N, C-alpha and C. Protein backbone atom coordinates (compact mmCIF):
# COMPACT_ATOMS: atom_id res chain seq x y z
N UNK A 1 -31.24 -38.00 42.03
CA UNK A 1 -32.08 -36.55 42.43
C UNK A 1 -31.68 -35.31 41.25
N UNK A 2 -30.46 -35.35 41.04
CA UNK A 2 -30.26 -34.38 40.18
C UNK A 2 -30.73 -34.54 38.77
N UNK A 3 -30.96 -35.72 38.53
CA UNK A 3 -31.65 -36.06 37.04
C UNK A 3 -32.99 -35.42 36.89
N UNK A 4 -33.78 -35.24 38.20
CA UNK A 4 -35.11 -34.79 38.17
C UNK A 4 -35.18 -33.16 38.11
N UNK A 5 -34.07 -32.27 37.96
CA UNK A 5 -33.87 -30.97 37.84
C UNK A 5 -34.08 -30.81 36.49
N UNK A 6 -35.09 -29.77 36.01
CA UNK A 6 -35.21 -29.58 34.52
C UNK A 6 -34.89 -28.09 34.42
N UNK A 7 -33.86 -27.83 33.73
CA UNK A 7 -33.44 -26.21 33.43
C UNK A 7 -33.74 -26.33 32.02
N UNK A 8 -34.77 -25.48 31.61
CA UNK A 8 -35.21 -25.11 30.12
C UNK A 8 -33.95 -24.18 29.61
N UNK A 9 -33.92 -24.49 28.12
CA UNK A 9 -33.01 -23.57 27.46
C UNK A 9 -33.48 -22.07 27.22
N UNK A 10 -32.48 -21.27 27.16
CA UNK A 10 -32.80 -20.00 27.18
C UNK A 10 -33.40 -19.63 25.40
N UNK A 11 -34.40 -18.84 25.34
CA UNK A 11 -34.67 -18.39 23.98
C UNK A 11 -34.58 -17.06 24.03
N UNK A 12 -34.48 -16.11 22.86
CA UNK A 12 -34.57 -14.98 22.76
C UNK A 12 -33.43 -14.03 23.72
N UNK A 13 -32.64 -14.82 24.14
CA UNK A 13 -31.27 -14.07 24.54
C UNK A 13 -30.16 -14.48 23.60
N UNK A 14 -29.31 -13.61 23.32
CA UNK A 14 -28.32 -13.77 22.53
C UNK A 14 -27.13 -13.08 22.87
N UNK A 15 -25.65 -13.64 22.36
CA UNK A 15 -24.53 -12.92 22.80
C UNK A 15 -24.04 -12.50 21.32
N UNK A 16 -23.58 -11.27 21.23
CA UNK A 16 -22.92 -10.77 20.01
C UNK A 16 -21.62 -10.20 20.37
N UNK A 17 -20.77 -10.22 19.10
CA UNK A 17 -19.49 -9.54 19.24
C UNK A 17 -19.62 -8.39 18.20
N UNK A 18 -19.40 -7.14 18.60
CA UNK A 18 -19.54 -6.05 17.87
C UNK A 18 -18.33 -5.33 17.92
N UNK A 19 -17.83 -4.72 16.45
CA UNK A 19 -16.79 -3.83 16.28
C UNK A 19 -17.26 -2.40 16.29
N UNK A 20 -16.86 -1.67 17.09
CA UNK A 20 -17.44 -0.35 17.42
C UNK A 20 -16.23 0.62 17.82
N UNK A 21 -16.41 2.05 17.35
CA UNK A 21 -15.45 2.91 17.60
C UNK A 21 -15.47 3.53 19.21
N UNK A 22 -14.29 3.40 19.51
CA UNK A 22 -14.31 3.98 20.89
C UNK A 22 -13.79 5.52 21.03
N UNK A 23 -14.79 6.35 21.23
CA UNK A 23 -14.57 7.85 21.32
C UNK A 23 -13.49 8.42 22.28
N UNK A 24 -13.12 7.66 23.42
CA UNK A 24 -12.49 7.92 24.39
C UNK A 24 -11.00 7.87 23.91
N UNK A 25 -10.78 6.49 23.37
CA UNK A 25 -9.38 6.02 23.06
C UNK A 25 -9.07 6.36 21.73
N UNK A 26 -10.06 6.68 20.83
CA UNK A 26 -9.84 6.80 19.39
C UNK A 26 -9.54 5.50 18.86
N UNK A 27 -10.05 4.31 18.97
CA UNK A 27 -9.52 2.96 18.46
C UNK A 27 -10.89 2.30 17.88
N UNK A 28 -10.85 1.04 17.05
CA UNK A 28 -11.88 0.36 16.87
C UNK A 28 -11.77 -0.89 17.79
N UNK A 29 -12.78 -1.20 18.72
CA UNK A 29 -12.79 -1.99 19.57
C UNK A 29 -13.80 -3.38 19.36
N UNK A 30 -13.39 -4.43 19.70
CA UNK A 30 -14.46 -5.42 19.59
C UNK A 30 -14.85 -5.67 21.11
N UNK A 31 -16.38 -5.79 21.16
CA UNK A 31 -16.93 -5.83 22.42
C UNK A 31 -17.99 -6.96 22.42
N UNK A 32 -18.09 -7.64 23.71
CA UNK A 32 -19.17 -8.82 23.58
C UNK A 32 -20.37 -8.14 24.42
N UNK A 33 -21.73 -8.39 23.87
CA UNK A 33 -22.66 -7.91 24.46
C UNK A 33 -23.76 -8.98 24.76
N UNK A 34 -24.71 -9.13 25.79
CA UNK A 34 -25.58 -9.80 25.87
C UNK A 34 -26.68 -9.14 25.49
N UNK A 35 -27.83 -9.76 25.01
CA UNK A 35 -28.85 -9.07 24.50
C UNK A 35 -30.04 -9.94 25.04
N UNK A 36 -30.92 -9.09 25.73
CA UNK A 36 -32.32 -9.61 26.00
C UNK A 36 -33.53 -8.99 25.29
N UNK A 37 -33.70 -10.03 24.27
CA UNK A 37 -35.12 -9.62 23.31
C UNK A 37 -36.22 -10.21 23.84
N UNK A 38 -36.30 -10.55 24.97
CA UNK A 38 -37.60 -10.99 25.69
C UNK A 38 -38.65 -9.98 26.05
N UNK A 39 -39.78 -10.07 26.38
CA UNK A 39 -40.62 -9.22 26.87
C UNK A 39 -40.65 -9.08 28.41
N UNK A 40 -39.87 -9.72 29.22
CA UNK A 40 -39.66 -9.80 30.34
C UNK A 40 -38.51 -9.32 31.02
N UNK A 41 -38.01 -8.76 32.01
CA UNK A 41 -36.64 -8.37 32.53
C UNK A 41 -36.15 -9.95 32.93
N UNK A 42 -34.70 -10.02 32.99
CA UNK A 42 -33.91 -11.17 33.44
C UNK A 42 -33.13 -10.81 34.62
N UNK A 43 -33.38 -11.72 35.74
CA UNK A 43 -32.59 -11.38 36.92
C UNK A 43 -31.56 -12.25 37.17
N UNK A 44 -30.48 -11.69 38.07
CA UNK A 44 -29.32 -12.46 38.57
C UNK A 44 -28.81 -13.16 37.12
N UNK A 45 -28.35 -12.46 36.24
CA UNK A 45 -27.82 -12.90 34.81
C UNK A 45 -26.10 -13.19 35.35
N UNK A 46 -25.83 -14.44 35.20
CA UNK A 46 -24.42 -14.69 35.26
C UNK A 46 -23.75 -15.23 34.31
N UNK A 47 -22.55 -14.71 33.69
CA UNK A 47 -22.02 -14.73 32.55
C UNK A 47 -20.61 -15.34 33.08
N UNK A 48 -20.10 -16.54 32.36
CA UNK A 48 -18.91 -17.06 32.52
C UNK A 48 -18.35 -17.30 31.06
N UNK A 49 -17.14 -16.52 31.01
CA UNK A 49 -16.37 -16.72 29.52
C UNK A 49 -15.16 -17.34 29.48
N UNK A 50 -14.75 -17.89 28.47
CA UNK A 50 -13.32 -18.58 28.44
C UNK A 50 -12.99 -18.67 26.99
N UNK A 51 -11.89 -18.83 26.55
CA UNK A 51 -11.34 -19.04 25.22
C UNK A 51 -10.38 -20.24 25.68
N UNK A 52 -10.56 -21.13 24.38
CA UNK A 52 -9.49 -22.32 24.50
C UNK A 52 -9.41 -22.68 22.95
N UNK A 53 -8.21 -23.57 22.81
CA UNK A 53 -8.09 -24.52 21.77
C UNK A 53 -7.46 -25.89 22.57
N UNK A 54 -6.96 -26.95 21.64
CA UNK A 54 -6.65 -27.86 22.39
C UNK A 54 -5.29 -27.53 23.27
N UNK A 55 -4.57 -26.46 22.83
CA UNK A 55 -3.27 -26.32 23.32
C UNK A 55 -3.23 -25.13 24.27
N UNK A 56 -4.38 -24.20 24.21
CA UNK A 56 -4.35 -22.96 25.02
C UNK A 56 -5.56 -22.86 25.71
N UNK A 57 -5.43 -21.95 26.81
CA UNK A 57 -6.61 -21.90 27.57
C UNK A 57 -6.56 -20.23 28.33
N UNK A 58 -7.57 -19.45 28.03
CA UNK A 58 -7.55 -18.28 28.89
C UNK A 58 -7.97 -18.10 30.08
N UNK A 59 -7.80 -17.27 30.81
CA UNK A 59 -8.41 -17.01 32.36
C UNK A 59 -9.88 -17.04 32.09
N UNK A 60 -10.58 -17.45 33.18
CA UNK A 60 -12.03 -17.67 33.36
C UNK A 60 -12.43 -16.23 33.62
N UNK A 61 -13.54 -15.62 32.83
CA UNK A 61 -14.05 -14.29 33.39
C UNK A 61 -15.48 -14.51 33.72
N UNK A 62 -15.89 -13.72 34.79
CA UNK A 62 -17.08 -13.94 35.31
C UNK A 62 -17.56 -12.57 35.53
N UNK A 63 -18.90 -12.45 34.98
CA UNK A 63 -19.88 -11.10 35.29
C UNK A 63 -21.08 -11.31 35.73
N UNK A 64 -21.56 -10.67 36.60
CA UNK A 64 -22.84 -10.75 37.13
C UNK A 64 -23.91 -9.40 36.92
N UNK A 65 -25.21 -9.68 36.58
CA UNK A 65 -26.05 -8.54 36.36
C UNK A 65 -27.18 -8.72 37.07
N UNK A 66 -27.42 -7.80 37.99
CA UNK A 66 -28.76 -8.05 38.89
C UNK A 66 -29.75 -8.26 38.07
N UNK A 67 -30.11 -7.25 36.98
CA UNK A 67 -31.31 -7.21 36.35
C UNK A 67 -30.74 -6.97 34.85
N UNK A 68 -31.31 -7.31 33.94
CA UNK A 68 -31.04 -7.12 32.40
C UNK A 68 -32.57 -6.93 31.99
N UNK A 69 -32.97 -5.55 31.74
CA UNK A 69 -34.36 -5.09 31.62
C UNK A 69 -34.74 -5.87 30.15
N UNK A 70 -36.10 -5.75 29.90
CA UNK A 70 -36.43 -6.41 28.65
C UNK A 70 -36.31 -5.54 27.43
N UNK A 71 -35.95 -6.14 26.38
CA UNK A 71 -35.73 -5.56 25.28
C UNK A 71 -34.48 -4.26 25.42
N UNK A 72 -33.43 -5.02 26.22
CA UNK A 72 -32.21 -4.37 26.21
C UNK A 72 -30.88 -5.27 26.09
N UNK A 73 -29.56 -4.56 26.16
CA UNK A 73 -28.49 -5.09 26.25
C UNK A 73 -27.55 -4.46 27.06
N UNK A 74 -26.63 -5.34 27.28
CA UNK A 74 -25.36 -4.90 28.25
C UNK A 74 -23.97 -5.22 27.92
N UNK A 75 -22.94 -4.66 28.12
CA UNK A 75 -21.78 -4.99 27.44
C UNK A 75 -21.22 -6.15 28.57
N UNK A 76 -20.61 -7.17 28.30
CA UNK A 76 -19.98 -8.01 28.86
C UNK A 76 -18.53 -8.06 28.96
N UNK A 77 -17.88 -7.62 27.79
CA UNK A 77 -16.37 -7.46 28.08
C UNK A 77 -15.85 -6.86 26.69
N UNK A 78 -14.61 -6.39 26.98
CA UNK A 78 -13.76 -5.87 25.80
C UNK A 78 -12.89 -7.27 25.15
N UNK A 79 -12.90 -7.43 23.79
CA UNK A 79 -12.23 -8.51 23.12
C UNK A 79 -11.02 -8.20 22.41
N UNK A 80 -9.82 -8.79 22.97
CA UNK A 80 -8.65 -8.54 21.91
C UNK A 80 -8.66 -9.39 20.95
N UNK A 81 -8.30 -8.86 19.80
CA UNK A 81 -8.38 -9.64 18.48
C UNK A 81 -7.56 -10.83 18.57
N UNK A 82 -6.37 -11.14 19.48
CA UNK A 82 -5.81 -12.17 19.31
C UNK A 82 -6.74 -13.46 19.93
N UNK A 83 -7.65 -13.22 20.67
CA UNK A 83 -8.55 -13.97 21.19
C UNK A 83 -9.60 -14.91 20.06
N UNK A 84 -9.69 -14.18 18.99
CA UNK A 84 -10.43 -14.73 17.73
C UNK A 84 -10.04 -16.04 17.18
N UNK A 85 -8.66 -16.25 17.60
CA UNK A 85 -7.90 -17.55 17.15
C UNK A 85 -8.26 -18.67 17.84
N UNK A 86 -9.04 -18.49 19.05
CA UNK A 86 -9.33 -19.43 20.05
C UNK A 86 -11.10 -19.59 19.76
N UNK A 87 -11.54 -20.73 20.43
CA UNK A 87 -13.06 -20.90 20.30
C UNK A 87 -13.28 -20.08 21.86
N UNK A 88 -14.42 -19.25 21.46
CA UNK A 88 -14.79 -18.36 22.77
C UNK A 88 -16.21 -18.86 23.16
N UNK A 89 -16.33 -19.22 24.40
CA UNK A 89 -17.25 -19.78 25.22
C UNK A 89 -18.07 -18.63 26.06
N UNK A 90 -19.23 -18.60 26.02
CA UNK A 90 -20.01 -17.82 26.94
C UNK A 90 -21.34 -18.41 27.64
N UNK A 91 -21.07 -18.99 28.89
CA UNK A 91 -22.17 -19.68 29.65
C UNK A 91 -22.76 -18.52 30.17
N UNK A 92 -24.19 -18.59 30.17
CA UNK A 92 -25.03 -17.61 30.44
C UNK A 92 -26.13 -18.37 31.29
N UNK A 93 -26.49 -17.89 32.50
CA UNK A 93 -27.44 -18.38 33.30
C UNK A 93 -28.21 -17.38 34.00
N UNK A 94 -29.74 -17.31 33.91
CA UNK A 94 -30.32 -16.22 34.80
C UNK A 94 -31.60 -16.88 35.23
N UNK A 95 -32.40 -15.89 35.90
CA UNK A 95 -33.72 -16.27 36.12
C UNK A 95 -34.69 -15.28 35.44
N UNK A 96 -35.80 -16.25 35.21
CA UNK A 96 -37.03 -15.52 34.65
C UNK A 96 -38.11 -16.04 35.36
N UNK A 97 -38.69 -14.80 36.23
CA UNK A 97 -39.41 -15.22 37.49
C UNK A 97 -38.64 -15.98 38.38
N UNK A 98 -39.30 -17.26 38.79
CA UNK A 98 -38.72 -18.32 39.50
C UNK A 98 -37.97 -19.32 38.93
N UNK A 99 -37.88 -19.22 37.65
CA UNK A 99 -37.40 -20.16 36.72
C UNK A 99 -36.03 -20.02 36.21
N UNK A 100 -34.93 -20.97 36.58
CA UNK A 100 -33.71 -20.46 36.05
C UNK A 100 -33.57 -21.32 34.57
N UNK A 101 -32.78 -20.56 33.88
CA UNK A 101 -32.52 -20.92 32.24
C UNK A 101 -30.96 -20.88 32.19
N UNK A 102 -30.64 -21.61 31.10
CA UNK A 102 -28.95 -21.46 30.93
C UNK A 102 -28.75 -21.78 29.44
N UNK A 103 -27.59 -21.19 28.81
CA UNK A 103 -27.48 -21.52 27.69
C UNK A 103 -25.82 -21.58 27.51
N UNK A 104 -25.16 -22.28 26.60
CA UNK A 104 -23.69 -21.98 26.15
C UNK A 104 -23.68 -21.40 24.64
N UNK A 105 -23.06 -20.34 24.57
CA UNK A 105 -23.01 -19.70 23.25
C UNK A 105 -21.69 -19.86 22.99
N UNK A 106 -21.24 -20.35 21.58
CA UNK A 106 -19.87 -20.55 21.29
C UNK A 106 -19.71 -19.88 19.92
N UNK A 107 -18.53 -19.07 20.04
CA UNK A 107 -17.94 -18.59 18.78
C UNK A 107 -16.92 -19.53 18.44
N UNK A 108 -16.81 -20.22 17.38
CA UNK A 108 -15.62 -21.05 17.07
C UNK A 108 -14.54 -20.24 16.60
N UNK A 109 -13.13 -20.82 16.82
CA UNK A 109 -12.01 -19.98 16.31
C UNK A 109 -12.15 -19.70 15.04
N UNK A 110 -11.60 -18.41 14.68
CA UNK A 110 -11.48 -17.76 13.51
C UNK A 110 -12.75 -17.37 12.97
N UNK A 111 -14.03 -17.43 13.50
CA UNK A 111 -15.39 -17.16 13.07
C UNK A 111 -15.95 -15.73 13.40
N UNK A 112 -14.96 -15.13 14.21
CA UNK A 112 -15.42 -13.76 14.50
C UNK A 112 -14.61 -12.49 13.67
N UNK A 113 -15.23 -12.15 12.43
CA UNK A 113 -14.68 -11.47 11.56
C UNK A 113 -15.70 -10.61 10.71
N UNK A 114 -15.59 -9.70 10.04
CA UNK A 114 -16.27 -8.82 9.42
C UNK A 114 -17.33 -9.58 8.12
N UNK A 115 -16.76 -10.65 7.94
CA UNK A 115 -17.60 -11.57 6.76
C UNK A 115 -18.67 -12.20 7.46
N UNK A 116 -18.80 -12.50 8.63
CA UNK A 116 -19.69 -12.94 9.54
C UNK A 116 -20.69 -11.93 10.03
N UNK A 117 -20.55 -10.87 9.62
CA UNK A 117 -21.44 -9.78 10.28
C UNK A 117 -22.85 -10.22 10.04
N UNK A 118 -23.93 -9.60 10.76
CA UNK A 118 -25.33 -9.66 10.45
C UNK A 118 -25.85 -8.77 11.19
N UNK A 119 -27.22 -8.10 11.39
CA UNK A 119 -27.93 -7.50 11.93
C UNK A 119 -27.97 -7.89 13.39
N UNK A 120 -27.84 -7.11 14.64
CA UNK A 120 -27.70 -7.50 15.97
C UNK A 120 -29.21 -7.09 16.41
N UNK A 121 -29.98 -8.03 17.14
CA UNK A 121 -31.29 -7.58 17.39
C UNK A 121 -31.08 -6.15 18.62
N UNK A 122 -31.92 -5.41 18.46
CA UNK A 122 -32.04 -4.22 19.40
C UNK A 122 -30.94 -3.16 19.50
N UNK A 123 -29.93 -3.72 18.62
CA UNK A 123 -28.70 -2.62 18.54
C UNK A 123 -28.81 -2.25 17.00
N UNK A 124 -28.29 -0.83 16.87
CA UNK A 124 -28.17 -0.23 15.71
C UNK A 124 -26.78 -0.47 15.16
N UNK A 125 -26.36 -1.86 15.10
CA UNK A 125 -24.94 -1.93 14.46
C UNK A 125 -25.17 -3.38 14.13
N UNK A 126 -23.97 -3.80 13.26
CA UNK A 126 -23.88 -5.24 12.74
C UNK A 126 -22.69 -5.84 13.67
N UNK A 127 -22.94 -7.21 13.65
CA UNK A 127 -21.78 -8.04 14.47
C UNK A 127 -22.01 -9.50 14.26
N UNK A 128 -21.15 -10.20 15.08
CA UNK A 128 -21.30 -11.77 14.76
C UNK A 128 -22.00 -12.14 16.04
N UNK A 129 -23.15 -12.72 15.61
CA UNK A 129 -24.20 -13.08 16.74
C UNK A 129 -24.28 -14.64 16.97
N UNK A 130 -24.42 -14.97 18.34
CA UNK A 130 -24.69 -16.23 18.60
C UNK A 130 -25.92 -16.54 19.16
N UNK A 131 -26.90 -17.43 18.66
CA UNK A 131 -28.12 -17.52 19.20
C UNK A 131 -28.34 -18.79 19.98
């Protein structure tokens, strides 16, 4: 029965890690964002994040967005730099109309750094992007 369920892969939805200035605390912070570059709203967006290596694993973090409007983005979480030594995984599931989509975005350990910066869709900043 489960083998008959088709879950298409998400396209035009990305996760980005961005280094930006925090006006309140006067610090440079690394934040994770989900980006909807589609021409339709995404509904019931579920994001499950974790960091891991062969020997370490972080707690699992979950976030739900009721709607992520078309051509928009939302902050997922603040990321401490200590986590960059781990593989950081973002499992994203959402509905587009009546169809459920899912995709896993992986930032491999030590790949989140300024050398990996590229233009982030819909944002006026550069960051590390997973497509």
